[in-house]
Each structure stands twice: as C-alpha cells, then as structure tokens.
C-alpha cells in the first residue's frame, strides 16, 4: 500500500515538473510573440520598434575581409587603445 502511494506520489511529481516546463516554454513563446507583434505594429506605423532585434552574431570575435585578411579586434578598439597610450605618455612626461 505504501509502495503504491510512493509510486503515485513520484508520478504526480514528474507530471508537475513536466507541466512547469511546458508553462515556462509557453511564457517564452508568448514573450517572443509579443515582441514580434510590437515590431510589426511599429513597421506598420513607421515607428522605431519597441524592442530592438537581437544580434544573431553577438559572439563574433573576428572579421574576415574580401582580400582574406582577418581582423581580430574592431578598428575602434585599436583607436581607443592608441588614444589611451598617448594620454599615458603625455601624463607621464
């Protein structure tokens, strides 16, 4: 009797976990749908979208030029470094 109750308890727990997972997925889909609707409405009314589109290439670390040359860091990053180096040299003198 106790064994059967424990088994039912375990099954109920697993079903509850499954339902929680499904609810989370539904919430994520609803959020994505809301964002799409908002962006479509903005396009229809020619306004800036409420939420910007996420960058699918967010983790890109290098740029390859048509010539085949590969840049490891953005140009602006190199410029900022050189400005910092200049400022450090000037303040050191």
Foldseek 3Di string as FASTA:
>chain_A
DVVVVVVVVVVVVVVVVVVVVVVVVVVVVVVVVVQVVQCVVCVVVVHDGPDDDDDPPVPDQWDADPVRDIGRHDPVVVVVVVVVVVVVVVVVD
